[in-house]
Amino acid sequence: MVSFKLKITNPDGLTPRLAAELVEEANKYESDIKLITKTESCDLKSIMNVFGTEVRCGDEVEISAEGIDEGKVVEGFKITIASYHF
């Protein structure tokens, strides 16, 4: 299992567009990928689950991956996160 933390700095928090970008990236991998907040955890491959989480500006979230391609997940997400203002 691998994981990394991400601080949300977007003034609007995790917007639908940013959530969709995370879900799109997660769906590139076979591993199980989760978005973990202080109060909940959800399947990052499900847009409806991600929309249901409340993530505000200043919140820190964790993205964890477990599976055969988990090593590639962190690198892929680093590229996606660098492309958008999370």
Protein backbone atom coordinates (compact mmCIF):
# COMPACT_ATOMS: atom_id res chain seq x y z
CA MET A 1 0.00 0.00 0.00
CA VAL A 2 1.19 3.50 -0.86
CA SER A 3 -0.28 6.83 0.13
CA PHE A 4 0.41 10.52 0.02
CA LYS A 5 -1.18 13.65 1.43
CA LEU A 6 -2.57 16.58 -0.49
CA LYS A 7 -3.51 19.95 0.97
CA ILE A 8 -6.48 21.55 -0.76
CA THR A 9 -5.57 25.17 -1.50
CA ASN A 10 -8.31 25.99 -3.99
CA PRO A 11 -10.50 28.71 -2.38
CA ASP A 12 -13.62 26.74 -3.42
CA GLY A 13 -12.33 23.45 -1.98
CA LEU A 14 -12.64 20.27 -3.99
CA THR A 15 -14.83 21.49 -6.83
CA PRO A 16 -16.69 19.15 -9.20
CA ARG A 17 -14.10 19.78 -11.90
CA LEU A 18 -11.18 18.99 -9.61
CA ALA A 19 -13.00 15.93 -8.26
CA ALA A 20 -13.57 14.73 -11.82
CA GLU A 21 -9.85 15.11 -12.58
CA LEU A 22 -8.95 12.96 -9.56
CA VAL A 23 -11.50 10.31 -10.52
CA GLU A 24 -10.28 10.28 -14.12
CA GLU A 25 -6.71 9.75 -12.93
CA ALA A 26 -7.76 7.01 -10.47
CA ASN A 27 -9.57 5.10 -13.19
CA LYS A 28 -6.31 4.70 -15.14
CA TYR A 29 -5.11 2.12 -12.59
CA GLU A 30 -6.15 -1.35 -11.49
CA SER A 31 -5.33 -0.68 -7.83
CA ASP A 32 -8.00 0.17 -5.27
CA ILE A 33 -7.65 3.90 -4.66
CA LYS A 34 -9.24 5.77 -1.78
CA LEU A 35 -9.70 9.41 -0.86
CA ILE A 36 -9.42 9.78 2.91
CA THR A 37 -10.48 12.89 4.83
CA LYS A 38 -10.51 13.55 8.58
CA THR A 39 -14.01 12.14 8.85
CA GLU A 40 -14.55 9.73 5.96
CA SER A 41 -13.09 7.57 3.23
CA CYS A 42 -14.41 6.92 -0.26
CA ASP A 43 -13.61 5.04 -3.45
CA LEU A 44 -11.74 7.53 -5.62
CA LYS A 45 -12.89 5.74 -8.77
CA SER A 46 -16.52 6.69 -8.11
CA ILE A 47 -17.47 10.25 -9.02
CA MET A 48 -20.64 10.05 -6.94
CA ASN A 49 -18.69 8.99 -3.86
CA VAL A 50 -16.20 11.81 -4.32
CA PHE A 51 -18.98 14.35 -4.87
CA GLY A 52 -20.45 13.20 -1.57
CA THR A 53 -17.35 14.13 0.42
CA GLU A 54 -17.01 17.57 1.89
CA VAL A 55 -13.52 18.93 1.31
CA ARG A 56 -12.85 22.61 1.92
CA CYS A 57 -9.94 24.92 1.31
CA GLY A 58 -7.20 24.19 3.85
CA ASP A 59 -8.24 20.56 4.37
CA GLU A 60 -5.62 17.87 4.03
CA VAL A 61 -6.67 14.65 2.33
CA GLU A 62 -4.85 11.40 1.83
CA ILE A 63 -4.88 9.35 -1.35
CA SER A 64 -4.05 5.69 -0.81
CA ALA A 65 -3.60 2.92 -3.33
CA GLU A 66 -3.34 -0.82 -2.94
CA GLY A 67 -2.85 -3.21 -5.82
CA ILE A 68 -0.55 -4.42 -8.56
CA ASP A 69 0.17 -0.98 -10.05
CA GLU A 70 0.14 1.03 -6.82
CA GLY A 71 3.67 2.30 -7.46
CA LYS A 72 2.53 4.07 -10.60
CA VAL A 73 -0.38 5.76 -8.84
CA VAL A 74 1.71 8.29 -6.91
CA GLU A 75 3.63 9.39 -9.99
CA GLY A 76 0.45 9.74 -12.04
CA PHE A 77 -1.27 11.78 -9.37
CA LYS A 78 1.76 14.06 -8.97
CA ILE A 79 1.44 14.99 -12.65
CA THR A 80 -2.32 15.54 -12.40
CA ILE A 81 -2.01 17.62 -9.23
CA ALA A 82 0.71 19.78 -10.79
CA SER A 83 -1.63 20.54 -13.70
CA TYR A 84 -4.50 21.87 -11.56
CA HIS A 85 -4.90 24.20 -8.60
CA PHE A 86 -5.97 21.81 -5.86
